[in-house]
Amino acid sequence: MTENLAVLLAAADDEIDAFAAFATAADDAVLLSPSGERWFREDPRSTSSAAGSYAAEWAMNAFFREPGVAFLYGRVDGGQVAFRVESDSERGGCRVEHVDPAIVPELADGFTSGSPWARALDELAPLGFAPRYAPITLAQLADFCVDSSHTGAVRRTARVARARSGFPFHEFEALTAGYTLAAADASDAIRALRAELETCHLVLAERWGRLVTIDMADETAFVPDPSPTGGMTFSPDAHVLGDWLELSVSEVAQGRGNLVVLGKRFAEDNALFADPDDPSVLHSARPVRDNPWVLWLVDVGAVQRFELLLVSGRPRNNQPERSVEARQGA
């Protein structure tokens, strides 16, 4: 079986195609780089959004830029099997060698230990989100939300599109066909996104594969201000996200978009009330107790919002773990 599989893999065009062939014969198949920091569990080209497609292509480009051969690892007939595989540009196909599974590097997720993104994924583990490749991107979570919007894992609560084909009166699309009117709709949609960010104490955003983090616990400082926004200095990532939101208005109006925003809310809205014992202390009028996480996806002229249902979604038991195991089935 191993010899036949090696022949099948050798006929592949490159490591990604070899992985696709290997996955048809092996359980828990993984393709990983020599460092273990870049890996694939599924074909990354199967995506649901423009942001996901870009992130997957970028991951494949980065994988091929990393020097050295790659490894295929999985279970065949109940036993662990591993191959060293490398594209053969001169003769075509791949060079394949059956190796001891013990030499396969451990899988890494690419996170800085304890980073906000890593902590967020730990909290979101009950959703059943299983990353398909590493480094793990926010776009992968967005694609998971799109694919799971008909299940109990997430709830899609808003969808604003350039052409409102979902509106009961189909002919009203004509009223948003022109750019000026489409831009007005797009501006309203992005304004709603920005307004909800005011109720989040942690924000993660990704555009073109770049991730920024805004943590309100250390966001501002009363120091001389180099920015045009007033008497505070804000984090560079906050300015980056502001620029991304501004760009997204015109992109949505044009039927485009590449932005994913994940926020952890502390309140349903920005209404406040004074503490009766200390009027200088303000509290949220409607604090969020369950399901604080919300994800916004700006994609192909649409702005979609998803609530991530950790409590009222699917039962917490029987949910797969998010953590990446170094040895599948070991």
C-alpha atoms as a PDB file:
ATOM      1  CA  MET A   1       0.000   0.000   0.000  1.00  0.00           C
ATOM      2  CA  THR A   2       2.811   2.407   0.894  1.00  0.00           C
ATOM      3  CA  GLU A   3       4.630   1.737  -2.389  1.00  0.00           C
ATOM      4  CA  ASN A   4       1.473   2.310  -4.436  1.00  0.00           C
ATOM      5  CA  LEU A   5       0.795   5.510  -2.545  1.00  0.00           C
ATOM      6  CA  ALA A   6       4.345   6.750  -3.207  1.00  0.00           C
ATOM      7  CA  VAL A   7       3.840   6.214  -6.943  1.00  0.00           C
ATOM      8  CA  LEU A   8       0.555   8.141  -6.804  1.00  0.00           C
ATOM      9  CA  LEU A   9       2.189  11.038  -4.977  1.00  0.00           C
ATOM     10  CA  ALA A  10       5.120  11.168  -7.383  1.00  0.00           C
ATOM     11  CA  ALA A  11       2.732  11.854 -10.271  1.00  0.00           C
ATOM     12  CA  ALA A  12       1.394  15.041  -8.618  1.00  0.00           C
ATOM     13  CA  ASP A  13       2.306  18.451 -10.025  1.00  0.00           C
ATOM     14  CA  ASP A  14       3.462  19.907  -6.700  1.00  0.00           C
ATOM     15  CA  GLU A  15       3.212  19.436  -2.935  1.00  0.00           C
ATOM     16  CA  ILE A  16      -0.358  20.789  -2.758  1.00  0.00           C
ATOM     17  CA  ASP A  17      -1.544  18.338  -5.421  1.00  0.00           C
ATOM     18  CA  ALA A  18       0.374  15.544  -3.689  1.00  0.00           C
ATOM     19  CA  PHE A  19      -1.448  16.433  -0.476  1.00  0.00           C
ATOM     20  CA  ALA A  20      -4.817  16.247  -2.267  1.00  0.00           C
ATOM     21  CA  ALA A  21      -3.924  12.757  -3.520  1.00  0.00           C
ATOM     22  CA  PHE A  22      -2.610  11.700  -0.101  1.00  0.00           C
ATOM     23  CA  ALA A  23      -5.803  12.887   1.620  1.00  0.00           C
ATOM     24  CA  THR A  24      -7.884  10.489  -0.485  1.00  0.00           C
ATOM     25  CA  ALA A  25      -6.001   7.523   1.000  1.00  0.00           C
ATOM     26  CA  ALA A  26      -5.085   8.721   4.499  1.00  0.00           C
ATOM     27  CA  ASP A  27      -7.083   9.805   7.527  1.00  0.00           C
ATOM     28  CA  ASP A  28      -6.123  13.019   9.362  1.00  0.00           C
ATOM     29  CA  ALA A  29      -3.836  13.939   6.470  1.00  0.00           C
ATOM     30  CA  VAL A  30      -1.515  16.907   6.994  1.00  0.00           C
ATOM     31  CA  LEU A  31       0.967  18.642   4.702  1.00  0.00           C
ATOM     32  CA  LEU A  32       3.556  20.620   6.625  1.00  0.00           C
ATOM     33  CA  SER A  33       6.727  22.587   6.059  1.00  0.00           C
ATOM     34  CA  PRO A  34      10.107  21.545   7.529  1.00  0.00           C
ATOM     35  CA  SER A  35       9.649  24.102  10.315  1.00  0.00           C
ATOM     36  CA  GLY A  36       6.133  22.883  11.106  1.00  0.00           C
ATOM     37  CA  GLU A  37       4.871  26.491  11.143  1.00  0.00           C
ATOM     38  CA  ARG A  38       3.048  26.175   7.807  1.00  0.00           C
ATOM     39  CA  TRP A  39       0.638  23.292   7.357  1.00  0.00           C
ATOM     40  CA  PHE A  40      -2.552  22.288   5.592  1.00  0.00           C
ATOM     41  CA  ARG A  41      -5.304  19.958   6.769  1.00  0.00           C
ATOM     42  CA  GLU A  42      -7.536  20.532   3.749  1.00  0.00           C
ATOM     43  CA  ASP A  43      -7.196  21.964   0.281  1.00  0.00           C
ATOM     44  CA  PRO A  44      -6.886  25.712   1.048  1.00  0.00           C
ATOM     45  CA  ARG A  45      -8.400  26.675  -2.298  1.00  0.00           C
ATOM     46  CA  SER A  46     -11.914  25.751  -1.119  1.00  0.00           C
ATOM     47  CA  THR A  47     -13.085  29.070   0.354  1.00  0.00           C
ATOM     48  CA  SER A  48     -16.334  30.987   0.834  1.00  0.00           C
ATOM     49  CA  SER A  49     -15.231  34.632   0.623  1.00  0.00           C
ATOM     50  CA  ALA A  50     -12.834  36.902  -1.222  1.00  0.00           C
ATOM     51  CA  ALA A  51     -10.918  37.454   2.029  1.00  0.00           C
ATOM     52  CA  GLY A  52     -10.642  33.689   2.528  1.00  0.00           C
ATOM     53  CA  SER A  53      -9.493  33.148  -1.056  1.00  0.00           C
ATOM     54  CA  TYR A  54      -6.774  35.773  -0.721  1.00  0.00           C
ATOM     55  CA  ALA A  55      -5.563  34.407   2.633  1.00  0.00           C
ATOM     56  CA  ALA A  56      -5.419  30.866   1.224  1.00  0.00           C
ATOM     57  CA  GLU A  57      -3.434  31.936  -1.840  1.00  0.00           C
ATOM     58  CA  TRP A  58      -1.065  33.925   0.353  1.00  0.00           C
ATOM     59  CA  ALA A  59      -0.575  30.896   2.613  1.00  0.00           C
ATOM     60  CA  MET A  60       0.277  28.708  -0.390  1.00  0.00           C
ATOM     61  CA  ASN A  61       2.715  31.298  -1.762  1.00  0.00           C
ATOM     62  CA  ALA A  62       4.436  31.527   1.624  1.00  0.00           C
ATOM     63  CA  PHE A  63       4.551  27.723   1.844  1.00  0.00           C
ATOM     64  CA  PHE A  64       6.345  27.417  -1.485  1.00  0.00           C
ATOM     65  CA  ARG A  65       8.802  30.181  -0.568  1.00  0.00           C
ATOM     66  CA  GLU A  66       9.966  28.290   2.503  1.00  0.00           C
ATOM     67  CA  PRO A  67      13.126  26.342   1.584  1.00  0.00           C
ATOM     68  CA  GLY A  68      13.425  22.594   1.943  1.00  0.00           C
ATOM     69  CA  VAL A  69      11.151  19.644   1.353  1.00  0.00           C
ATOM     70  CA  ALA A  70       7.679  19.190   2.813  1.00  0.00           C
ATOM     71  CA  PHE A  71       6.190  16.314   4.761  1.00  0.00           C
ATOM     72  CA  LEU A  72       2.942  14.401   4.373  1.00  0.00           C
ATOM     73  CA  TYR A  73       1.632  12.760   7.513  1.00  0.00           C
ATOM     74  CA  GLY A  74      -1.494  10.717   8.252  1.00  0.00           C
ATOM     75  CA  ARG A  75      -3.008   7.350   9.104  1.00  0.00           C
ATOM     76  CA  VAL A  76      -3.293   4.601   6.496  1.00  0.00           C
ATOM     77  CA  ASP A  77      -4.917   1.291   7.472  1.00  0.00           C
ATOM     78  CA  GLY A  78      -4.756   2.362  11.121  1.00  0.00           C
ATOM     79  CA  GLY A  79      -1.010   3.056  11.148  1.00  0.00           C
ATOM     80  CA  GLN A  80       0.945   6.320  10.985  1.00  0.00           C
ATOM     81  CA  VAL A  81       2.556   6.977   7.602  1.00  0.00           C
ATOM     82  CA  ALA A  82       4.858   9.799   6.523  1.00  0.00           C
ATOM     83  CA  PHE A  83       6.463  10.881   3.261  1.00  0.00           C
ATOM     84  CA  ARG A  84       9.039  13.499   2.367  1.00  0.00           C
ATOM     85  CA  VAL A  85       7.878  15.221  -0.821  1.00  0.00           C
ATOM     86  CA  GLU A  86       9.408  17.886  -3.068  1.00  0.00           C
ATOM     87  CA  SER A  87       8.444  19.318  -6.460  1.00  0.00           C
ATOM     88  CA  ASP A  88      10.717  18.245  -9.324  1.00  0.00           C
ATOM     89  CA  SER A  89      10.728  21.209 -11.690  1.00  0.00           C
ATOM     90  CA  GLU A  90      13.175  19.586 -14.127  1.00  0.00           C
ATOM     91  CA  ARG A  91      11.448  16.279 -14.733  1.00  0.00           C
ATOM     92  CA  GLY A  92       7.946  17.218 -13.578  1.00  0.00           C
ATOM     93  CA  GLY A  93       5.980  15.604 -10.780  1.00  0.00           C
ATOM     94  CA  CYS A  94       7.381  15.172  -7.275  1.00  0.00           C
ATOM     95  CA  ARG A  95      10.269  13.394  -5.606  1.00  0.00           C
ATOM     96  CA  VAL A  96       8.774  11.223  -2.876  1.00  0.00           C
ATOM     97  CA  GLU A  97      10.468   9.268  -0.084  1.00  0.00           C
ATOM     98  CA  HIS A  98       8.809   7.131   2.583  1.00  0.00           C
ATOM     99  CA  VAL A  99      10.212   8.205   5.968  1.00  0.00           C
ATOM    100  CA  ASP A 100       9.875   7.366   9.645  1.00  0.00           C
ATOM    101  CA  PRO A 101       6.938   9.348  11.113  1.00  0.00           C
ATOM    102  CA  ALA A 102       9.123  10.200  14.106  1.00  0.00           C
ATOM    103  CA  ILE A 103      11.173  12.677  12.025  1.00  0.00           C
ATOM    104  CA  VAL A 104       8.124  14.727  11.037  1.00  0.00           C
ATOM    105  CA  PRO A 105       8.251  18.133  12.781  1.00  0.00           C
ATOM    106  CA  GLU A 106       5.580  19.113  15.253  1.00  0.00           C
ATOM    107  CA  LEU A 107       2.785  21.325  14.039  1.00  0.00           C
ATOM    108  CA  ALA A 108       2.821  24.933  15.198  1.00  0.00           C
ATOM    109  CA  ASP A 109       0.002  27.451  14.916  1.00  0.00           C
ATOM    110  CA  GLY A 110       2.182  30.501  14.314  1.00  0.00           C
ATOM    111  CA  PHE A 111       0.900  32.373  17.370  1.00  0.00           C
ATOM    112  CA  THR A 112       2.874  34.297  19.908  1.00  0.00           C
ATOM    113  CA  SER A 113       2.144  32.549  23.175  1.00  0.00           C
ATOM    114  CA  GLY A 114      -0.791  34.220  24.893  1.00  0.00           C
ATOM    115  CA  SER A 115      -1.513  36.604  22.013  1.00  0.00           C
ATOM    116  CA  PRO A 116      -5.048  38.072  21.817  1.00  0.00           C
ATOM    117  CA  TRP A 117      -5.759  36.070  18.638  1.00  0.00           C
ATOM    118  CA  ALA A 118      -4.706  32.820  20.299  1.00  0.00           C
ATOM    119  CA  ARG A 119      -6.792  33.605  23.385  1.00  0.00           C
ATOM    120  CA  ALA A 120      -9.780  34.480  21.207  1.00  0.00           C
ATOM    121  CA  LEU A 121      -9.625  31.126  19.417  1.00  0.00           C
ATOM    122  CA  ASP A 122      -9.411  29.335  22.753  1.00  0.00           C
ATOM    123  CA  GLU A 123     -12.617  31.063  23.849  1.00  0.00           C
ATOM    124  CA  LEU A 124     -14.288  30.240  20.517  1.00  0.00           C
ATOM    125  CA  ALA A 125     -13.386  26.540  20.663  1.00  0.00           C
ATOM    126  CA  PRO A 126     -17.002  25.471  21.462  1.00  0.00           C
ATOM    127  CA  LEU A 127     -18.057  26.685  18.011  1.00  0.00           C
ATOM    128  CA  GLY A 128     -16.281  23.727  16.435  1.00  0.00           C
ATOM    129  CA  PHE A 129     -14.068  25.904  14.230  1.00  0.00           C
ATOM    130  CA  ALA A 130     -11.232  23.741  12.860  1.00  0.00           C
ATOM    131  CA  PRO A 131      -8.493  25.736  11.082  1.00  0.00           C
ATOM    132  CA  ARG A 132      -7.624  24.334   7.652  1.00  0.00           C
ATOM    133  CA  TYR A 133      -4.102  25.746   7.423  1.00  0.00           C
ATOM    134  CA  ALA A 134      -1.523  27.721   9.369  1.00  0.00           C
ATOM    135  CA  PRO A 135      -0.714  30.402  10.156  1.00  0.00           C
ATOM    136  CA  ILE A 136      -4.364  30.575  11.197  1.00  0.00           C
ATOM    137  CA  THR A 137      -6.108  33.610   9.730  1.00  0.00           C
ATOM    138  CA  LEU A 138      -9.210  35.551  10.693  1.00  0.00           C
ATOM    139  CA  ALA A 139     -10.478  34.954   7.150  1.00  0.00           C
ATOM    140  CA  GLN A 140     -10.699  31.228   7.937  1.00  0.00           C
ATOM    141  CA  LEU A 141     -13.016  32.009  10.846  1.00  0.00           C
ATOM    142  CA  ALA A 142     -15.084  34.240   8.548  1.00  0.00           C
ATOM    143  CA  ASP A 143     -15.458  31.411   6.022  1.00  0.00           C
ATOM    144  CA  PHE A 144     -16.493  29.109   8.856  1.00  0.00           C
ATOM    145  CA  CYS A 145     -19.203  31.611   9.836  1.00  0.00           C
ATOM    146  CA  VAL A 146     -20.498  31.801   6.265  1.00  0.00           C
ATOM    147  CA  ASP A 147     -20.595  28.012   5.974  1.00  0.00           C
ATOM    148  CA  SER A 148     -22.176  27.585   9.426  1.00  0.00           C
ATOM    149  CA  SER A 149     -24.813  30.320   9.229  1.00  0.00           C
ATOM    150  CA  HIS A 150     -27.533  27.683   8.743  1.00  0.00           C
ATOM    151  CA  THR A 151     -26.480  25.755  11.868  1.00  0.00           C
ATOM    152  CA  GLY A 152     -26.553  26.539  15.570  1.00  0.00           C
ATOM    153  CA  ALA A 153     -22.930  27.664  15.673  1.00  0.00           C
ATOM    154  CA  VAL A 154     -23.451  31.215  14.427  1.00  0.00           C
ATOM    155  CA  ARG A 155     -26.364  33.523  13.687  1.00  0.00           C
ATOM    156  CA  ARG A 156     -26.249  35.881  10.711  1.00  0.00           C
ATOM    157  CA  THR A 157     -28.073  38.958  11.941  1.00  0.00           C
ATOM    158  CA  ALA A 158     -27.400  41.491   9.193  1.00  0.00           C
ATOM    159  CA  ARG A 159     -26.629  41.516   5.514  1.00  0.00           C
ATOM    160  CA  VAL A 160     -26.277  44.749   3.575  1.00  0.00           C
ATOM    161  CA  ALA A 161     -25.488  44.318  -0.103  1.00  0.00           C
ATOM    162  CA  ARG A 162     -24.876  46.726  -2.967  1.00  0.00           C
ATOM    163  CA  ALA A 163     -27.748  45.107  -4.894  1.00  0.00           C
ATOM    164  CA  ARG A 164     -30.571  44.312  -2.500  1.00  0.00           C
ATOM    165  CA  SER A 165     -31.768  41.172  -4.254  1.00  0.00           C
ATOM    166  CA  GLY A 166     -33.144  39.917  -0.942  1.00  0.00           C
ATOM    167  CA  PHE A 167     -35.511  42.857  -0.627  1.00  0.00           C
ATOM    168  CA  PRO A 168     -39.178  41.844  -1.124  1.00  0.00           C
ATOM    169  CA  PHE A 169     -39.565  44.262  -4.055  1.00  0.00           C
ATOM    170  CA  HIS A 170     -36.890  43.086  -6.452  1.00  0.00           C
ATOM    171  CA  GLU A 171     -37.180  46.172  -8.656  1.00  0.00           C
ATOM    172  CA  PHE A 172     -35.806  48.334  -5.859  1.00  0.00           C
ATOM    173  CA  GLU A 173     -32.321  47.144  -6.854  1.00  0.00           C
ATOM    174  CA  ALA A 174     -32.534  49.833  -9.549  1.00  0.00           C
ATOM    175  CA  LEU A 175     -32.465  52.445  -6.802  1.00  0.00           C
ATOM    176  CA  THR A 176     -29.021  51.291  -5.635  1.00  0.00           C
ATOM    177  CA  ALA A 177     -27.534  50.508  -9.035  1.00  0.00           C
ATOM    178  CA  GLY A 178     -25.896  53.910  -9.413  1.00  0.00           C
ATOM    179  CA  TYR A 179     -22.615  54.540  -7.605  1.00  0.00           C
ATOM    180  CA  THR A 180     -23.800  57.533  -5.574  1.00  0.00           C
ATOM    181  CA  LEU A 181     -26.763  55.661  -4.097  1.00  0.00           C
ATOM    182  CA  ALA A 182     -24.682  52.505  -3.642  1.00  0.00           C
ATOM    183  CA  ALA A 183     -22.077  54.573  -1.779  1.00  0.00           C
ATOM    184  CA  ALA A 184     -24.786  55.863   0.555  1.00  0.00           C
ATOM    185  CA  ASP A 185     -25.846  52.292   1.372  1.00  0.00           C
ATOM    186  CA  ALA A 186     -22.225  51.263   1.852  1.00  0.00           C
ATOM    187  CA  SER A 187     -21.583  54.218   4.145  1.00  0.00           C
ATOM    188  CA  ASP A 188     -24.580  53.272   6.303  1.00  0.00           C
ATOM    189  CA  ALA A 189     -23.366  49.654   6.528  1.00  0.00           C
ATOM    190  CA  ILE A 190     -19.807  50.568   7.529  1.00  0.00           C
ATOM    191  CA  ARG A 191     -21.138  53.151   9.988  1.00  0.00           C
ATOM    192  CA  ALA A 192     -23.157  50.398  11.672  1.00  0.00           C
ATOM    193  CA  LEU A 193     -20.015  48.281  11.918  1.00  0.00           C
ATOM    194  CA  ARG A 194     -18.044  51.130  13.435  1.00  0.00           C
ATOM    195  CA  ALA A 195     -20.822  51.883  15.900  1.00  0.00           C
ATOM    196  CA  GLU A 196     -20.729  48.331  17.231  1.00  0.00           C
ATOM    197  CA  LEU A 197     -16.969  48.554  17.673  1.00  0.00           C
ATOM    198  CA  GLU A 198     -17.691  51.195  20.333  1.00  0.00           C
ATOM    199  CA  THR A 199     -19.208  48.389  22.421  1.00  0.00           C
ATOM    200  CA  CYS A 200     -16.156  46.074  22.090  1.00  0.00           C
ATOM    201  CA  HIS A 201     -13.198  46.011  24.442  1.00  0.00           C
ATOM    202  CA  LEU A 202     -11.151  43.757  22.141  1.00  0.00           C
ATOM    203  CA  VAL A 203     -11.084  44.047  18.344  1.00  0.00           C
ATOM    204  CA  LEU A 204      -9.184  41.910  15.840  1.00  0.00           C
ATOM    205  CA  ALA A 205      -9.274  42.914  12.178  1.00  0.00           C
ATOM    206  CA  GLU A 206      -7.733  41.459   9.044  1.00  0.00           C
ATOM    207  CA  ARG A 207      -7.374  42.849   5.524  1.00  0.00           C
ATOM    208  CA  TRP A 208      -5.247  41.345   2.755  1.00  0.00           C
ATOM    209  CA  GLY A 209      -3.908  38.824   5.261  1.00  0.00           C
ATOM    210  CA  ARG A 210      -2.641  41.454   7.729  1.00  0.00           C
ATOM    211  CA  LEU A 211      -3.954  41.203  11.309  1.00  0.00           C
ATOM    212  CA  VAL A 212      -4.268  44.165  13.672  1.00  0.00           C
ATOM    213  CA  THR A 213      -5.321  44.132  17.324  1.00  0.00           C
ATOM    214  CA  ILE A 214      -7.015  46.825  19.394  1.00  0.00           C
ATOM    215  CA  ASP A 215      -7.234  46.168  23.127  1.00  0.00           C
ATOM    216  CA  MET A 216      -9.080  48.922  24.949  1.00  0.00           C
ATOM    217  CA  ALA A 217      -7.220  48.103  28.163  1.00  0.00           C
ATOM    218  CA  ASP A 218      -4.065  49.722  26.770  1.00  0.00           C
ATOM    219  CA  GLU A 219      -5.400  51.734  23.853  1.00  0.00           C
ATOM    220  CA  THR A 220      -4.980  55.347  24.949  1.00  0.00           C
ATOM    221  CA  ALA A 221      -2.536  57.496  26.862  1.00  0.00           C
ATOM    222  CA  PHE A 222      -2.729  61.151  27.853  1.00  0.00           C
ATOM    223  CA  VAL A 223       0.503  62.306  26.273  1.00  0.00           C
ATOM    224  CA  PRO A 224       1.306  64.949  23.641  1.00  0.00           C
ATOM    225  CA  ASP A 225      -0.688  63.918  20.601  1.00  0.00           C
ATOM    226  CA  PRO A 226       0.906  63.425  17.157  1.00  0.00           C
ATOM    227  CA  SER A 227      -2.417  62.386  15.603  1.00  0.00           C
ATOM    228  CA  PRO A 228      -5.162  64.700  14.328  1.00  0.00           C
ATOM    229  CA  THR A 229      -7.836  63.243  16.588  1.00  0.00           C
ATOM    230  CA  GLY A 230      -7.456  65.216  19.799  1.00  0.00           C
ATOM    231  CA  GLY A 231      -5.665  65.043  23.123  1.00  0.00           C
ATOM    232  CA  MET A 232      -4.727  61.367  23.100  1.00  0.00           C
ATOM    233  CA  THR A 233      -2.279  59.088  21.388  1.00  0.00           C
ATOM    234  CA  PHE A 234      -3.915  56.032  19.864  1.00  0.00           C
ATOM    235  CA  SER A 235      -2.311  52.785  18.842  1.00  0.00           C
ATOM    236  CA  PRO A 236      -1.111  52.465  15.237  1.00  0.00           C
ATOM    237  CA  ASP A 237      -3.455  49.501  14.785  1.00  0.00           C
ATOM    238  CA  ALA A 238      -6.454  51.695  15.653  1.00  0.00           C
ATOM    239  CA  HIS A 239      -5.472  54.143  12.907  1.00  0.00           C
ATOM    240  CA  VAL A 240      -4.954  51.236  10.485  1.00  0.00           C
ATOM    241  CA  LEU A 241      -8.459  49.906  11.151  1.00  0.00           C
ATOM    242  CA  GLY A 242      -9.890  53.400  10.725  1.00  0.00           C
ATOM    243  CA  ASP A 243      -8.252  53.609   7.306  1.00  0.00           C
ATOM    244  CA  TRP A 244      -9.580  50.148   6.408  1.00  0.00           C
ATOM    245  CA  LEU A 245     -13.136  51.152   7.310  1.00  0.00           C
ATOM    246  CA  GLU A 246     -12.814  54.280   5.200  1.00  0.00           C
ATOM    247  CA  LEU A 247     -11.565  52.274   2.225  1.00  0.00           C
ATOM    248  CA  SER A 248     -14.325  49.705   2.669  1.00  0.00           C
ATOM    249  CA  VAL A 249     -17.061  52.268   1.961  1.00  0.00           C
ATOM    250  CA  SER A 250     -15.997  52.743  -1.652  1.00  0.00           C
ATOM    251  CA  GLU A 251     -15.166  49.047  -2.062  1.00  0.00           C
ATOM    252  CA  VAL A 252     -18.616  47.897  -0.952  1.00  0.00           C
ATOM    253  CA  ALA A 253     -20.223  50.441  -3.276  1.00  0.00           C
ATOM    254  CA  GLN A 254     -18.186  48.954  -6.125  1.00  0.00           C
ATOM    255  CA  GLY A 255     -19.186  45.393  -5.250  1.00  0.00           C
ATOM    256  CA  ARG A 256     -15.816  44.550  -3.684  1.00  0.00           C
ATOM    257  CA  GLY A 257     -14.361  44.259  -0.179  1.00  0.00           C
ATOM    258  CA  ASN A 258     -11.698  42.460   1.824  1.00  0.00           C
ATOM    259  CA  LEU A 259     -12.110  42.999   5.552  1.00  0.00           C
ATOM    260  CA  VAL A 260     -12.893  40.768   8.534  1.00  0.00           C
ATOM    261  CA  VAL A 261     -13.507  42.270  11.988  1.00  0.00           C
ATOM    262  CA  LEU A 262     -13.904  40.198  15.161  1.00  0.00           C
ATOM    263  CA  GLY A 263     -15.009  41.974  18.324  1.00  0.00           C
ATOM    264  CA  LYS A 264     -15.687  40.979  21.907  1.00  0.00           C
ATOM    265  CA  ARG A 265     -18.558  43.115  23.162  1.00  0.00           C
ATOM    266  CA  PHE A 266     -19.097  44.324  26.720  1.00  0.00           C
ATOM    267  CA  ALA A 267     -22.474  45.980  26.002  1.00  0.00           C
ATOM    268  CA  GLU A 268     -25.412  45.753  23.615  1.00  0.00           C
ATOM    269  CA  ASP A 269     -25.100  49.478  22.826  1.00  0.00           C
ATOM    270  CA  ASN A 270     -23.295  52.545  24.141  1.00  0.00           C
ATOM    271  CA  ALA A 271     -26.026  53.643  26.581  1.00  0.00           C
ATOM    272  CA  LEU A 272     -24.619  54.383  30.054  1.00  0.00           C
ATOM    273  CA  PHE A 273     -25.882  55.230  33.530  1.00  0.00           C
ATOM    274  CA  ALA A 274     -24.180  56.737  36.547  1.00  0.00           C
ATOM    275  CA  ASP A 275     -23.403  54.655  39.589  1.00  0.00           C
ATOM    276  CA  PRO A 276     -25.821  55.750  42.354  1.00  0.00           C
ATOM    277  CA  ASP A 277     -23.017  55.579  44.929  1.00  0.00           C
ATOM    278  CA  ASP A 278     -20.463  57.408  42.782  1.00  0.00           C
ATOM    279  CA  PRO A 279     -21.849  59.569  39.944  1.00  0.00           C
ATOM    280  CA  SER A 280     -18.370  59.813  38.398  1.00  0.00           C
ATOM    281  CA  VAL A 281     -18.501  56.072  37.602  1.00  0.00           C
ATOM    282  CA  LEU A 282     -20.481  54.999  34.534  1.00  0.00           C
ATOM    283  CA  HIS A 283     -21.902  51.557  33.799  1.00  0.00           C
ATOM    284  CA  SER A 284     -23.293  49.987  30.645  1.00  0.00           C
ATOM    285  CA  ALA A 285     -27.087  50.167  30.587  1.00  0.00           C
ATOM    286  CA  ARG A 286     -27.322  46.841  28.722  1.00  0.00           C
ATOM    287  CA  PRO A 287     -24.189  44.754  29.360  1.00  0.00           C
ATOM    288  CA  VAL A 288     -23.565  41.615  27.321  1.00  0.00           C
ATOM    289  CA  ARG A 289     -23.593  38.454  29.413  1.00  0.00           C
ATOM    290  CA  ASP A 290     -23.796  35.645  26.834  1.00  0.00           C
ATOM    291  CA  ASN A 291     -22.261  35.358  23.386  1.00  0.00           C
ATOM    292  CA  PRO A 292     -20.108  38.503  23.450  1.00  0.00           C
ATOM    293  CA  TRP A 293     -18.243  37.689  20.221  1.00  0.00           C
ATOM    294  CA  VAL A 294     -19.411  39.139  16.912  1.00  0.00           C
ATOM    295  CA  LEU A 295     -17.793  38.936  13.467  1.00  0.00           C
ATOM    296  CA  TRP A 296     -18.263  41.289  10.527  1.00  0.00           C
ATOM    297  CA  LEU A 297     -17.325  40.286   6.973  1.00  0.00           C
ATOM    298  CA  VAL A 298     -16.988  42.905   4.224  1.00  0.00           C
ATOM    299  CA  ASP A 299     -16.986  40.940   0.993  1.00  0.00           C
ATOM    300  CA  VAL A 300     -18.061  41.321  -2.685  1.00  0.00           C
ATOM    301  CA  GLY A 301     -20.257  44.339  -2.018  1.00  0.00           C
ATOM    302  CA  ALA A 302     -21.911  42.908   1.085  1.00  0.00           C
ATOM    303  CA  VAL A 303     -21.493  43.582   4.787  1.00  0.00           C
ATOM    304  CA  GLN A 304     -22.481  40.559   6.854  1.00  0.00           C
ATOM    305  CA  ARG A 305     -22.658  40.319  10.636  1.00  0.00           C
ATOM    306  CA  PHE A 306     -22.465  37.067  12.611  1.00  0.00           C
ATOM    307  CA  GLU A 307     -23.076  36.420  16.293  1.00  0.00           C
ATOM    308  CA  LEU A 308     -20.886  33.573  17.534  1.00  0.00           C
ATOM    309  CA  LEU A 309     -23.157  31.441  19.705  1.00  0.00           C
ATOM    310  CA  LEU A 310     -21.062  29.961  22.490  1.00  0.00           C
ATOM    311  CA  VAL A 311     -23.986  29.561  24.892  1.00  0.00           C
ATOM    312  CA  SER A 312     -27.234  29.293  22.961  1.00  0.00           C
ATOM    313  CA  GLY A 313     -25.808  27.545  19.914  1.00  0.00           C
ATOM    314  CA  ARG A 314     -24.943  23.873  19.677  1.00  0.00           C
ATOM    315  CA  PRO A 315     -24.291  21.975  22.931  1.00  0.00           C
ATOM    316  CA  ARG A 316     -20.851  22.447  24.359  1.00  0.00           C
ATOM    317  CA  ASN A 317     -20.208  18.726  24.609  1.00  0.00           C
ATOM    318  CA  ASN A 318     -18.976  16.734  21.628  1.00  0.00           C
ATOM    319  CA  GLN A 319     -17.250  19.787  20.203  1.00  0.00           C
ATOM    320  CA  PRO A 320     -13.798  19.326  18.632  1.00  0.00           C
ATOM    321  CA  GLU A 321     -10.872  21.027  20.276  1.00  0.00           C
ATOM    322  CA  ARG A 322      -9.269  24.004  18.551  1.00  0.00           C
ATOM    323  CA  SER A 323      -5.724  23.180  19.607  1.00  0.00           C
ATOM    324  CA  VAL A 324      -3.434  21.744  16.964  1.00  0.00           C
ATOM    325  CA  GLU A 325      -2.162  18.292  17.861  1.00  0.00           C
ATOM    326  CA  ALA A 326       1.403  17.512  16.971  1.00  0.00           C
ATOM    327  CA  ARG A 327       0.588  13.934  16.083  1.00  0.00           C
ATOM    328  CA  GLN A 328      -2.809  13.003  14.721  1.00  0.00           C
ATOM    329  CA  GLY A 329      -4.062   9.764  16.167  1.00  0.00           C
ATOM    330  CA  ALA A 330      -0.899   9.217  18.162  1.00  0.00           C
END
